[in-house]
PDB file of N, CA and C in Angstrom:
ATOM      1  N   MET A   1      11.644  -3.580   7.732  1.00  0.00           N
ATOM      2  CA  MET A   1      10.763  -4.995   7.814  1.00  0.00           C
ATOM      3  C   MET A   1       9.490  -4.574   8.694  1.00  0.00           C
ATOM      4  N   LEU A   2       8.372  -4.990   8.230  1.00  0.00           N
ATOM      5  CA  LEU A   2       7.137  -5.031   8.685  1.00  0.00           C
ATOM      6  C   LEU A   2       6.844  -6.148   9.843  1.00  0.00           C
ATOM      7  N   PRO A   3       6.643  -5.822  10.965  1.00  0.00           N
ATOM      8  CA  PRO A   3       6.210  -6.841  11.910  1.00  0.00           C
ATOM      9  C   PRO A   3       5.321  -7.945  11.284  1.00  0.00           C
ATOM     10  N   ALA A   4       5.130  -9.045  11.717  1.00  0.00           N
ATOM     11  CA  ALA A   4       3.997  -9.976  11.309  1.00  0.00           C
ATOM     12  C   ALA A   4       2.709  -9.574  11.407  1.00  0.00           C
ATOM     13  N   ALA A   5       2.601  -8.981  12.548  1.00  0.00           N
ATOM     14  CA  ALA A   5       1.049  -8.288  13.056  1.00  0.00           C
ATOM     15  C   ALA A   5       0.623  -7.073  12.025  1.00  0.00           C
ATOM     16  N   SER A   6       1.283  -6.485  11.202  1.00  0.00           N
ATOM     17  CA  SER A   6       1.336  -5.424  10.378  1.00  0.00           C
ATOM     18  C   SER A   6       1.411  -5.647   9.145  1.00  0.00           C
ATOM     19  N   ARG A   7       1.292  -7.308   8.771  1.00  0.00           N
ATOM     20  CA  ARG A   7       1.291  -7.636   7.521  1.00  0.00           C
ATOM     21  C   ARG A   7      -0.160  -8.225   6.940  1.00  0.00           C
ATOM     22  N   LEU A   8      -0.680  -7.594   5.560  1.00  0.00           N
ATOM     23  CA  LEU A   8      -1.843  -8.301   5.241  1.00  0.00           C
ATOM     24  C   LEU A   8      -1.321  -9.800   4.712  1.00  0.00           C
ATOM     25  N   THR A   9      -1.965 -11.018   4.807  1.00  0.00           N
ATOM     26  CA  THR A   9      -1.437 -12.179   4.143  1.00  0.00           C
ATOM     27  C   THR A   9      -2.286 -12.952   3.775  1.00  0.00           C
ATOM     28  N   HIS A  10      -3.661 -12.991   3.812  1.00  0.00           N
ATOM     29  CA  HIS A  10      -4.865 -13.498   3.366  1.00  0.00           C
ATOM     30  C   HIS A  10      -5.185 -13.001   2.288  1.00  0.00           C
ATOM     31  N   ARG A  11      -5.496 -14.032   1.172  1.00  0.00           N
ATOM     32  CA  ARG A  11      -6.190 -13.422  -0.102  1.00  0.00           C
ATOM     33  C   ARG A  11      -7.540 -12.765   0.356  1.00  0.00           C
ATOM     34  N   ASP A  12      -8.387 -13.296   1.259  1.00  0.00           N
ATOM     35  CA  ASP A  12      -9.586 -12.759   1.252  1.00  0.00           C
ATOM     36  C   ASP A  12      -9.209 -11.169   1.863  1.00  0.00           C
ATOM     37  N   ASP A  13      -8.305 -10.825   2.730  1.00  0.00           N
ATOM     38  CA  ASP A  13      -8.010  -9.421   3.107  1.00  0.00           C
ATOM     39  C   ASP A  13      -7.518  -8.602   2.086  1.00  0.00           C
ATOM     40  N   PHE A  14      -6.884  -8.976   0.983  1.00  0.00           N
ATOM     41  CA  PHE A  14      -6.576  -8.277  -0.011  1.00  0.00           C
ATOM     42  C   PHE A  14      -7.544  -7.744  -0.685  1.00  0.00           C
ATOM     43  N   ALA A  15      -8.579  -9.133  -0.867  1.00  0.00           N
ATOM     44  CA  ALA A  15      -9.937  -8.730  -2.083  1.00  0.00           C
ATOM     45  C   ALA A  15     -10.617  -7.877  -1.398  1.00  0.00           C
ATOM     46  N   THR A  16     -10.729  -7.818   0.095  1.00  0.00           N
ATOM     47  CA  THR A  16     -11.539  -6.742   0.556  1.00  0.00           C
ATOM     48  C   THR A  16     -11.142  -5.438   0.440  1.00  0.00           C
ATOM     49  N   VAL A  17     -10.012  -5.330   0.623  1.00  0.00           N
ATOM     50  CA  VAL A  17      -9.299  -3.690   0.737  1.00  0.00           C
ATOM     51  C   VAL A  17      -9.416  -3.507  -0.707  1.00  0.00           C
ATOM     52  N   MET A  18      -9.567  -4.109  -1.862  1.00  0.00           N
ATOM     53  CA  MET A  18      -9.220  -3.566  -3.084  1.00  0.00           C
ATOM     54  C   MET A  18     -10.610  -3.549  -3.766  1.00  0.00           C
ATOM     55  N   ARG A  19     -11.795  -4.387  -3.208  1.00  0.00           N
ATOM     56  CA  ARG A  19     -12.743  -3.888  -3.615  1.00  0.00           C
ATOM     57  C   ARG A  19     -13.379  -3.170  -2.870  1.00  0.00           C
ATOM     58  N   ARG A  20     -13.470  -2.832  -1.681  1.00  0.00           N
ATOM     59  CA  ARG A  20     -14.536  -2.023  -0.703  1.00  0.00           C
ATOM     60  C   ARG A  20     -13.473  -0.850  -0.318  1.00  0.00           C
ATOM     61  N   GLY A  21     -12.420  -0.950  -0.273  1.00  0.00           N
ATOM     62  CA  GLY A  21     -11.517   0.191  -0.115  1.00  0.00           C
ATOM     63  C   GLY A  21     -11.594   1.422  -0.868  1.00  0.00           C
ATOM     64  N   ARG A  22     -11.038   2.691  -0.284  1.00  0.00           N
ATOM     65  CA  ARG A  22     -10.920   3.704  -1.309  1.00  0.00           C
ATOM     66  C   ARG A  22      -9.440   3.733  -1.783  1.00  0.00           C
ATOM     67  N   SER A  23      -9.365   4.224  -3.270  1.00  0.00           N
ATOM     68  CA  SER A  23      -8.221   3.760  -4.108  1.00  0.00           C
ATOM     69  C   SER A  23      -7.666   5.521  -4.341  1.00  0.00           C
ATOM     70  N   SER A  24      -6.408   5.675  -4.488  1.00  0.00           N
ATOM     71  CA  SER A  24      -5.993   6.649  -5.044  1.00  0.00           C
ATOM     72  C   SER A  24      -4.622   6.237  -5.955  1.00  0.00           C
ATOM     73  N   GLY A  25      -4.465   6.579  -7.137  1.00  0.00           N
ATOM     74  CA  GLY A  25      -3.452   6.419  -7.802  1.00  0.00           C
ATOM     75  C   GLY A  25      -2.451   7.621  -8.346  1.00  0.00           C
ATOM     76  N   ARG A  26      -1.328   6.926  -8.563  1.00  0.00           N
ATOM     77  CA  ARG A  26      -0.248   8.131  -9.009  1.00  0.00           C
ATOM     78  C   ARG A  26       0.684   7.251 -10.228  1.00  0.00           C
ATOM     79  N   PRO A  27       1.549   7.969 -11.018  1.00  0.00           N
ATOM     80  CA  PRO A  27       2.149   7.258 -12.254  1.00  0.00           C
ATOM     81  C   PRO A  27       2.932   6.028 -11.763  1.00  0.00           C
ATOM     82  N   ARG A  28       3.420   5.844 -10.530  1.00  0.00           N
ATOM     83  CA  ARG A  28       4.275   4.482 -10.258  1.00  0.00           C
ATOM     84  C   ARG A  28       3.427   3.399  -9.147  1.00  0.00           C
ATOM     85  N   LEU A  29       2.333   3.876  -8.786  1.00  0.00           N
ATOM     86  CA  LEU A  29       1.789   3.021  -7.619  1.00  0.00           C
ATOM     87  C   LEU A  29       0.337   3.452  -7.476  1.00  0.00           C
ATOM     88  N   VAL A  30      -0.535   2.821  -6.934  1.00  0.00           N
ATOM     89  CA  VAL A  30      -1.868   2.831  -6.518  1.00  0.00           C
ATOM     90  C   VAL A  30      -2.167   2.336  -4.954  1.00  0.00           C
ATOM     91  N   VAL A  31      -2.662   3.051  -4.267  1.00  0.00           N
ATOM     92  CA  VAL A  31      -2.867   2.618  -2.924  1.00  0.00           C
ATOM     93  C   VAL A  31      -4.255   2.459  -2.810  1.00  0.00           C
ATOM     94  N   HIS A  32      -5.036   1.135  -2.139  1.00  0.00           N
ATOM     95  CA  HIS A  32      -5.935   0.725  -1.750  1.00  0.00           C
ATOM     96  C   HIS A  32      -5.884   0.711  -0.038  1.00  0.00           C
ATOM     97  N   LEU A  33      -7.078   1.751   0.663  1.00  0.00           N
ATOM     98  CA  LEU A  33      -7.025   1.971   1.861  1.00  0.00           C
ATOM     99  C   LEU A  33      -8.600   1.510   2.000  1.00  0.00           C
ATOM    100  N   HIS A  34      -8.950   0.754   3.383  1.00  0.00           N
ATOM    101  CA  HIS A  34     -10.062   0.476   4.017  1.00  0.00           C
ATOM    102  C   HIS A  34      -9.975   0.163   5.525  1.00  0.00           C
ATOM    103  N   ARG A  35     -11.091   0.646   5.839  1.00  0.00           N
ATOM    104  CA  ARG A  35     -10.982   0.582   7.577  1.00  0.00           C
ATOM    105  C   ARG A  35     -11.972  -0.562   7.957  1.00  0.00           C
ATOM    106  N   ALA A  36     -11.243  -1.338   8.664  1.00  0.00           N
ATOM    107  CA  ALA A  36     -12.046  -2.955   8.699  1.00  0.00           C
ATOM    108  C   ALA A  36     -12.761  -2.743  10.108  1.00  0.00           C
ATOM    109  N   GLY A  37     -12.699  -1.818  10.944  1.00  0.00           N
ATOM    110  CA  GLY A  37     -13.403  -1.776  11.930  1.00  0.00           C
ATOM    111  C   GLY A  37     -13.028  -2.942  13.230  1.00  0.00           C
ATOM    112  N   GLN A  38     -12.058  -3.518  12.779  1.00  0.00           N
ATOM    113  CA  GLN A  38     -11.290  -4.398  13.637  1.00  0.00           C
ATOM    114  C   GLN A  38      -9.615  -4.544  13.827  1.00  0.00           C
ATOM    115  N   GLY A  39      -9.086  -4.659  14.885  1.00  0.00           N
ATOM    116  CA  GLY A  39      -7.562  -4.856  14.865  1.00  0.00           C
ATOM    117  C   GLY A  39      -6.987  -3.817  15.579  1.00  0.00           C
ATOM    118  N   ALA A  40      -5.849  -3.780  16.218  1.00  0.00           N
ATOM    119  CA  ALA A  40      -5.300  -2.709  17.326  1.00  0.00           C
ATOM    120  C   ALA A  40      -4.056  -2.050  16.348  1.00  0.00           C
ATOM    121  N   ARG A  41      -4.105  -2.462  15.348  1.00  0.00           N
ATOM    122  CA  ARG A  41      -2.954  -1.890  14.302  1.00  0.00           C
ATOM    123  C   ARG A  41      -3.025  -1.903  13.009  1.00  0.00           C
ATOM    124  N   PRO A  42      -2.559  -0.869  12.234  1.00  0.00           N
ATOM    125  CA  PRO A  42      -2.739  -0.809  10.850  1.00  0.00           C
ATOM    126  C   PRO A  42      -2.177  -2.071  10.084  1.00  0.00           C
ATOM    127  N   ARG A  43      -2.551  -2.424   9.051  1.00  0.00           N
ATOM    128  CA  ARG A  43      -1.963  -3.779   8.603  1.00  0.00           C
ATOM    129  C   ARG A  43      -1.672  -3.406   6.880  1.00  0.00           C
ATOM    130  N   ALA A  44      -0.606  -3.792   6.284  1.00  0.00           N
ATOM    131  CA  ALA A  44      -0.281  -3.587   5.021  1.00  0.00           C
ATOM    132  C   ALA A  44       0.196  -4.863   4.084  1.00  0.00           C
ATOM    133  N   GLY A  45      -0.125  -4.788   2.665  1.00  0.00           N
ATOM    134  CA  GLY A  45       0.314  -5.783   1.986  1.00  0.00           C
ATOM    135  C   GLY A  45       0.564  -5.068   0.466  1.00  0.00           C
ATOM    136  N   PHE A  46       1.328  -6.035  -0.154  1.00  0.00           N
ATOM    137  CA  PHE A  46       1.672  -5.362  -1.384  1.00  0.00           C
ATOM    138  C   PHE A  46       1.626  -6.250  -2.679  1.00  0.00           C
ATOM    139  N   VAL A  47       1.066  -5.477  -3.876  1.00  0.00           N
ATOM    140  CA  VAL A  47       0.686  -6.234  -5.094  1.00  0.00           C
ATOM    141  C   VAL A  47       1.900  -5.768  -6.336  1.00  0.00           C
ATOM    142  N   VAL A  48       2.657  -6.762  -6.547  1.00  0.00           N
ATOM    143  CA  VAL A  48       3.668  -6.189  -7.687  1.00  0.00           C
ATOM    144  C   VAL A  48       3.620  -7.453  -8.529  1.00  0.00           C
ATOM    145  N   SER A  49       3.063  -7.260  -9.776  1.00  0.00           N
ATOM    146  CA  SER A  49       2.670  -8.185 -10.783  1.00  0.00           C
ATOM    147  C   SER A  49       3.849  -8.504 -11.729  1.00  0.00           C
ATOM    148  N   LYS A  50       3.515  -9.282 -12.667  1.00  0.00           N
ATOM    149  CA  LYS A  50       4.830  -9.701 -13.527  1.00  0.00           C
ATOM    150  C   LYS A  50       4.880  -8.763 -14.645  1.00  0.00           C
ATOM    151  N   ALA A  51       3.853  -7.605 -14.763  1.00  0.00           N
ATOM    152  CA  ALA A  51       4.289  -6.387 -15.581  1.00  0.00           C
ATOM    153  C   ALA A  51       5.288  -5.308 -15.042  1.00  0.00           C
ATOM    154  N   VAL A  52       5.620  -5.433 -13.845  1.00  0.00           N
ATOM    155  CA  VAL A  52       6.474  -4.562 -13.313  1.00  0.00           C
ATOM    156  C   VAL A  52       7.763  -4.973 -13.880  1.00  0.00           C
ATOM    157  N   GLY A  53       8.183  -6.454 -13.945  1.00  0.00           N
ATOM    158  CA  GLY A  53       9.495  -6.633 -14.270  1.00  0.00           C
ATOM    159  C   GLY A  53       9.679  -8.495 -13.773  1.00  0.00           C
ATOM    160  N   ASN A  54      10.746  -8.971 -14.178  1.00  0.00           N
ATOM    161  CA  ASN A  54      11.060 -10.403 -13.652  1.00  0.00           C
ATOM    162  C   ASN A  54      11.194 -10.442 -12.101  1.00  0.00           C
ATOM    163  N   ALA A  55      11.723 -11.477 -11.663  1.00  0.00           N
ATOM    164  CA  ALA A  55      11.299 -11.666 -10.188  1.00  0.00           C
ATOM    165  C   ALA A  55      12.293 -10.934  -9.404  1.00  0.00           C
ATOM    166  N   VAL A  56      13.436 -10.645  -9.985  1.00  0.00           N
ATOM    167  CA  VAL A  56      14.508  -9.956  -9.065  1.00  0.00           C
ATOM    168  C   VAL A  56      14.041  -8.359  -8.824  1.00  0.00           C
ATOM    169  N   VAL A  57      13.491  -8.019 -10.404  1.00  0.00           N
ATOM    170  CA  VAL A  57      12.775  -6.716 -10.066  1.00  0.00           C
ATOM    171  C   VAL A  57      11.718  -6.483  -9.064  1.00  0.00           C
ATOM    172  N   ARG A  58      10.896  -7.239  -9.569  1.00  0.00           N
ATOM    173  CA  ARG A  58       9.541  -7.370  -8.526  1.00  0.00           C
ATOM    174  C   ARG A  58      10.071  -7.379  -6.916  1.00  0.00           C
ATOM    175  N   HIS A  59      11.059  -8.289  -6.529  1.00  0.00           N
ATOM    176  CA  HIS A  59      11.319  -8.314  -5.242  1.00  0.00           C
ATOM    177  C   HIS A  59      12.052  -7.062  -4.947  1.00  0.00           C
ATOM    178  N   ARG A  60      12.748  -6.456  -5.599  1.00  0.00           N
ATOM    179  CA  ARG A  60      13.322  -5.146  -5.241  1.00  0.00           C
ATOM    180  C   ARG A  60      12.440  -4.056  -5.018  1.00  0.00           C
ATOM    181  N   VAL A  61      11.362  -3.859  -5.957  1.00  0.00           N
ATOM    182  CA  VAL A  61      10.389  -3.071  -5.757  1.00  0.00           C
ATOM    183  C   VAL A  61       9.496  -3.218  -4.475  1.00  0.00           C
ATOM    184  N   THR A  62       9.062  -4.571  -4.203  1.00  0.00           N
ATOM    185  CA  THR A  62       8.756  -4.888  -3.087  1.00  0.00           C
ATOM    186  C   THR A  62       9.331  -4.273  -1.672  1.00  0.00           C
ATOM    187  N   ARG A  63      10.740  -4.763  -1.693  1.00  0.00           N
ATOM    188  CA  ARG A  63      11.563  -4.350  -0.725  1.00  0.00           C
ATOM    189  C   ARG A  63      11.376  -2.806  -0.483  1.00  0.00           C
ATOM    190  N   ARG A  64      11.532  -2.140  -1.503  1.00  0.00           N
ATOM    191  CA  ARG A  64      11.835  -0.591  -1.298  1.00  0.00           C
ATOM    192  C   ARG A  64      10.473  -0.058  -0.916  1.00  0.00           C
ATOM    193  N   LEU A  65       9.318  -0.781  -1.499  1.00  0.00           N
ATOM    194  CA  LEU A  65       7.996  -0.431  -0.871  1.00  0.00           C
ATOM    195  C   LEU A  65       7.830  -0.428   0.486  1.00  0.00           C
ATOM    196  N   ARG A  66       7.955  -1.617   0.856  1.00  0.00           N
ATOM    197  CA  ARG A  66       7.959  -2.010   2.442  1.00  0.00           C
ATOM    198  C   ARG A  66       8.847  -1.356   3.277  1.00  0.00           C
ATOM    199  N   HIS A  67       9.992  -0.873   2.877  1.00  0.00           N
ATOM    200  CA  HIS A  67      11.014  -0.034   3.557  1.00  0.00           C
ATOM    201  C   HIS A  67      10.232   1.683   3.609  1.00  0.00           C
ATOM    202  N   LEU A  68       9.423   1.751   2.604  1.00  0.00           N
ATOM    203  CA  LEU A  68       8.707   3.357   2.542  1.00  0.00           C
ATOM    204  C   LEU A  68       7.329   3.070   3.580  1.00  0.00           C
ATOM    205  N   VAL A  69       6.778   2.207   3.493  1.00  0.00           N
ATOM    206  CA  VAL A  69       5.339   1.973   4.245  1.00  0.00           C
ATOM    207  C   VAL A  69       5.596   1.714   5.717  1.00  0.00           C
ATOM    208  N   ALA A  70       6.635   1.199   6.123  1.00  0.00           N
ATOM    209  CA  ALA A  70       6.796   0.703   7.673  1.00  0.00           C
ATOM    210  C   ALA A  70       6.511   2.135   8.479  1.00  0.00           C
ATOM    211  N   PRO A  71       7.594   3.012   8.028  1.00  0.00           N
ATOM    212  CA  PRO A  71       7.160   4.280   9.161  1.00  0.00           C
ATOM    213  C   PRO A  71       5.994   5.164   8.734  1.00  0.00           C
ATOM    214  N   ARG A  72       5.347   4.933   7.850  1.00  0.00           N
ATOM    215  CA  ARG A  72       3.917   5.732   7.469  1.00  0.00           C
ATOM    216  C   ARG A  72       2.855   4.834   8.295  1.00  0.00           C
ATOM    217  N   LEU A  73       3.088   3.760   8.462  1.00  0.00           N
ATOM    218  CA  LEU A  73       1.629   2.824   9.388  1.00  0.00           C
ATOM    219  C   LEU A  73       1.135   3.645  10.434  1.00  0.00           C
ATOM    220  N   ALA A  74       2.347   4.376  11.254  1.00  0.00           N
ATOM    221  CA  ALA A  74       1.610   4.649  12.343  1.00  0.00           C
ATOM    222  C   ALA A  74       0.799   5.975  12.185  1.00  0.00           C
ATOM    223  N   GLU A  75       0.710   6.468  10.923  1.00  0.00           N
ATOM    224  CA  GLU A  75      -0.050   7.913  10.571  1.00  0.00           C
ATOM    225  C   GLU A  75      -1.293   7.317  10.440  1.00  0.00           C
ATOM    226  N   LEU A  76      -1.682   5.913   9.851  1.00  0.00           N
ATOM    227  CA  LEU A  76      -2.951   5.608   9.587  1.00  0.00           C
ATOM    228  C   LEU A  76      -3.681   5.209  10.954  1.00  0.00           C
ATOM    229  N   PRO A  77      -5.182   5.250  10.536  1.00  0.00           N
ATOM    230  CA  PRO A  77      -6.026   5.029  11.511  1.00  0.00           C
ATOM    231  C   PRO A  77      -5.840   3.480  12.116  1.00  0.00           C
ATOM    232  N   PRO A  78      -6.190   3.194  13.231  1.00  0.00           N
ATOM    233  CA  PRO A  78      -5.353   2.020  13.908  1.00  0.00           C
ATOM    234  C   PRO A  78      -6.480   0.593  13.351  1.00  0.00           C
ATOM    235  N   ASP A  79      -7.550   0.972  12.555  1.00  0.00           N
ATOM    236  CA  ASP A  79      -8.266  -0.685  12.128  1.00  0.00           C
ATOM    237  C   ASP A  79      -7.881  -0.376  10.230  1.00  0.00           C
ATOM    238  N   ALA A  80      -6.968   0.477   9.929  1.00  0.00           N
ATOM    239  CA  ALA A  80      -6.931   0.623   8.525  1.00  0.00           C
ATOM    240  C   ALA A  80      -6.030  -0.670   7.747  1.00  0.00           C
ATOM    241  N   MET A  81      -6.626  -1.137   6.911  1.00  0.00           N
ATOM    242  CA  MET A  81      -5.910  -1.925   5.890  1.00  0.00           C
ATOM    243  C   MET A  81      -5.469  -1.389   4.707  1.00  0.00           C
ATOM    244  N   LEU A  82      -4.027  -1.552   4.487  1.00  0.00           N
ATOM    245  CA  LEU A  82      -3.557  -0.811   3.090  1.00  0.00           C
ATOM    246  C   LEU A  82      -2.755  -1.710   2.325  1.00  0.00           C
ATOM    247  N   VAL A  83      -3.156  -1.300   1.006  1.00  0.00           N
ATOM    248  CA  VAL A  83      -2.775  -2.462  -0.175  1.00  0.00           C
ATOM    249  C   VAL A  83      -2.101  -1.330  -1.001  1.00  0.00           C
ATOM    250  N   VAL A  84      -0.836  -1.639  -1.361  1.00  0.00           N
ATOM    251  CA  VAL A  84      -0.084  -0.740  -2.301  1.00  0.00           C
ATOM    252  C   VAL A  84       0.425  -1.876  -3.451  1.00  0.00           C
ATOM    253  N   ARG A  85      -0.413  -1.294  -4.644  1.00  0.00           N
ATOM    254  CA  ARG A  85       0.022  -2.012  -6.037  1.00  0.00           C
ATOM    255  C   ARG A  85       0.926  -1.183  -6.602  1.00  0.00           C
ATOM    256  N   ALA A  86       1.832  -1.982  -6.858  1.00  0.00           N
ATOM    257  CA  ALA A  86       3.019  -1.264  -8.236  1.00  0.00           C
ATOM    258  C   ALA A  86       2.674  -1.168  -9.402  1.00  0.00           C
ATOM    259  N   LEU A  87       2.985  -0.135 -10.058  1.00  0.00           N
ATOM    260  CA  LEU A  87       2.543  -0.244 -11.717  1.00  0.00           C
ATOM    261  C   LEU A  87       3.989  -0.379 -12.358  1.00  0.00           C
ATOM    262  N   PRO A  88       4.190  -0.741 -13.504  1.00  0.00           N
ATOM    263  CA  PRO A  88       5.534  -0.804 -14.333  1.00  0.00           C
ATOM    264  C   PRO A  88       6.491   0.107 -14.000  1.00  0.00           C
ATOM    265  N   ALA A  89       5.977   1.587 -14.003  1.00  0.00           N
ATOM    266  CA  ALA A  89       6.900   2.646 -13.923  1.00  0.00           C
ATOM    267  C   ALA A  89       7.562   2.500 -12.611  1.00  0.00           C
ATOM    268  N   ALA A  90       7.173   1.730 -11.643  1.00  0.00           N
ATOM    269  CA  ALA A  90       7.812   1.631 -10.091  1.00  0.00           C
ATOM    270  C   ALA A  90       9.330   1.039 -10.569  1.00  0.00           C
ATOM    271  N   SER A  91       9.482   0.342 -11.455  1.00  0.00           N
ATOM    272  CA  SER A  91      10.789  -0.453 -11.480  1.00  0.00           C
ATOM    273  C   SER A  91      11.681   0.506 -11.874  1.00  0.00           C
ATOM    274  N   ALA A  92      11.620   1.571 -12.449  1.00  0.00           N
ATOM    275  CA  ALA A  92      12.674   2.572 -12.891  1.00  0.00           C
ATOM    276  C   ALA A  92      12.594   3.690 -12.004  1.00  0.00           C
ATOM    277  N   ALA A  93      11.942   3.736 -10.899  1.00  0.00           N
ATOM    278  CA  ALA A  93      11.541   5.045 -10.099  1.00  0.00           C
ATOM    279  C   ALA A  93      12.831   4.872  -8.971  1.00  0.00           C
ATOM    280  N   ALA A  94      13.346   5.950  -8.638  1.00  0.00           N
ATOM    281  CA  ALA A  94      14.027   6.332  -7.517  1.00  0.00           C
ATOM    282  C   ALA A  94      13.127   6.073  -6.233  1.00  0.00           C
ATOM    283  N   SER A  95      13.991   5.820  -5.121  1.00  0.00           N
ATOM    284  CA  SER A  95      13.063   5.681  -3.749  1.00  0.00           C
ATOM    285  C   SER A  95      12.321   6.888  -3.529  1.00  0.00           C
ATOM    286  N   ILE A  96      13.424   8.099  -3.645  1.00  0.00           N
ATOM    287  CA  ILE A  96      12.286   9.389  -3.316  1.00  0.00           C
ATOM    288  C   ILE A  96      11.332   9.552  -4.000  1.00  0.00           C
ATOM    289  N   GLU A  97      11.255   9.160  -5.535  1.00  0.00           N
ATOM    290  CA  GLU A  97       9.994   9.277  -6.236  1.00  0.00           C
ATOM    291  C   GLU A  97       8.803   8.255  -5.792  1.00  0.00           C
ATOM    292  N   LEU A  98       9.418   7.123  -5.611  1.00  0.00           N
ATOM    293  CA  LEU A  98       7.976   6.153  -4.755  1.00  0.00           C
ATOM    294  C   LEU A  98       7.689   6.730  -3.525  1.00  0.00           C
ATOM    295  N   GLY A  99       8.508   7.286  -2.605  1.00  0.00           N
ATOM    296  CA  GLY A  99       8.190   7.858  -1.587  1.00  0.00           C
ATOM    297  C   GLY A  99       7.253   9.142  -1.559  1.00  0.00           C
ATOM    298  N   ALA A 100       7.664   9.956  -2.649  1.00  0.00           N
ATOM    299  CA  ALA A 100       6.581  10.956  -2.902  1.00  0.00           C
ATOM    300  C   ALA A 100       5.314  10.728  -3.539  1.00  0.00           C
ATOM    301  N   ASP A 101       5.355   9.723  -4.340  1.00  0.00           N
ATOM    302  CA  ASP A 101       4.141   8.807  -4.843  1.00  0.00           C
ATOM    303  C   ASP A 101       3.265   8.279  -3.738  1.00  0.00           C
ATOM    304  N   LEU A 102       3.918   7.317  -2.884  1.00  0.00           N
ATOM    305  CA  LEU A 102       3.389   7.055  -1.612  1.00  0.00           C
ATOM    306  C   LEU A 102       2.504   8.131  -0.758  1.00  0.00           C
ATOM    307  N   ASP A 103       3.371   8.792  -0.258  1.00  0.00           N
ATOM    308  CA  ASP A 103       2.661  10.070   0.247  1.00  0.00           C
ATOM    309  C   ASP A 103       1.404  10.732  -0.451  1.00  0.00           C
ATOM    310  N   ALA A 104       1.551  11.233  -1.636  1.00  0.00           N
ATOM    311  CA  ALA A 104       0.452  11.765  -2.140  1.00  0.00           C
ATOM    312  C   ALA A 104      -0.739  10.796  -2.559  1.00  0.00           C
ATOM    313  N   ALA A 105      -0.510   9.389  -2.776  1.00  0.00           N
ATOM    314  CA  ALA A 105      -1.439   8.587  -2.582  1.00  0.00           C
ATOM    315  C   ALA A 105      -2.273   8.416  -1.270  1.00  0.00           C
ATOM    316  N   LEU A 106      -1.505   8.159  -0.371  1.00  0.00           N
ATOM    317  CA  LEU A 106      -2.119   7.873   0.893  1.00  0.00           C
ATOM    318  C   LEU A 106      -2.703   9.350   1.326  1.00  0.00           C
ATOM    319  N   ARG A 107      -2.530  10.313   0.863  1.00  0.00           N
ATOM    320  CA  ARG A 107      -3.008  11.702   1.414  1.00  0.00           C
ATOM    321  C   ARG A 107      -4.496  11.576   0.387  1.00  0.00           C
ATOM    322  N   GLY A 108      -4.445  11.318  -0.556  1.00  0.00           N
ATOM    323  CA  GLY A 108      -5.738  11.157  -1.335  1.00  0.00           C
ATOM    324  C   GLY A 108      -6.552  10.035  -0.820  1.00  0.00           C
ATOM    325  N   ALA A 109      -6.204   8.750  -0.416  1.00  0.00           N
ATOM    326  CA  ALA A 109      -6.746   7.982   0.053  1.00  0.00           C
ATOM    327  C   ALA A 109      -7.614   7.944   1.368  1.00  0.00           C
ATOM    328  N   LEU A 110      -6.827   8.703   1.920  1.00  0.00           N
ATOM    329  CA  LEU A 110      -7.247   8.977   3.499  1.00  0.00           C
ATOM    330  C   LEU A 110      -8.272   9.993   3.369  1.00  0.00           C
ATOM    331  N   ARG A 111      -8.160  11.127   2.432  1.00  0.00           N
ATOM    332  CA  ARG A 111      -9.386  12.271   2.314  1.00  0.00           C
ATOM    333  C   ARG A 111     -10.577  11.362   1.829  1.00  0.00           C
ATOM    334  N   LYS A 112     -10.463  10.464   0.859  1.00  0.00           N
ATOM    335  CA  LYS A 112     -11.432   9.767   0.520  1.00  0.00           C
ATOM    336  C   LYS A 112     -12.260   9.092   1.536  1.00  0.00           C
ATOM    337  N   LEU A 113     -11.370   8.591   2.253  1.00  0.00           N
ATOM    338  CA  LEU A 113     -11.762   7.516   3.310  1.00  0.00           C
ATOM    339  C   LEU A 113     -12.518   8.427   4.462  1.00  0.00           C
ATOM    340  N   GLY A 114     -12.168   9.483   4.563  1.00  0.00           N
ATOM    341  CA  GLY A 114     -12.554  10.397   5.698  1.00  0.00           C
ATOM    342  C   GLY A 114     -14.150  10.916   5.240  1.00  0.00           C
ATOM    343  N   GLY A 115     -14.089  10.991   4.048  1.00  0.00           N
ATOM    344  CA  GLY A 115     -15.698  11.461   3.643  1.00  0.00           C
ATOM    345  C   GLY A 115     -16.828  10.400   3.693  1.00  0.00           C
ATOM    346  N   ASP A 116     -16.216   8.994   4.014  1.00  0.00           N
ATOM    347  CA  ASP A 116     -17.189   7.887   4.106  1.00  0.00           C
ATOM    348  C   ASP A 116     -17.969   7.771   5.579  1.00  0.00           C
ATOM    349  N   ARG A 117     -17.053   8.342   6.606  1.00  0.00           N
ATOM    350  CA  ARG A 117     -17.548   8.485   8.051  1.00  0.00           C
ATOM    351  C   ARG A 117     -17.928   9.559   8.600  1.00  0.00           C
TER     352      ARG A 117
END
């Protein structure tokens, strides 16, 4: 579970990250990463649309992604805002596959973000 201070909860934050952030996609998910220049800890949010499946499937995918992202937040810059967008293939993926896609996507987004500064 992510602590409340580590969650993106406002629509404006999601919109900012998705519009201004750097993204990196994999077959099962897309990661959007943005440095806000404020805040003491990285924050994360999740987007799992109806294309992924019904409510039960969407909540399962969200829980699995939240569990995978929590330990990886410490590796992000302190002012980072992260949005993980699940694609339909995420519903049938094993946790190990989601973790591998998440790691690869984070590496790609961090590499792109590092080129900006």
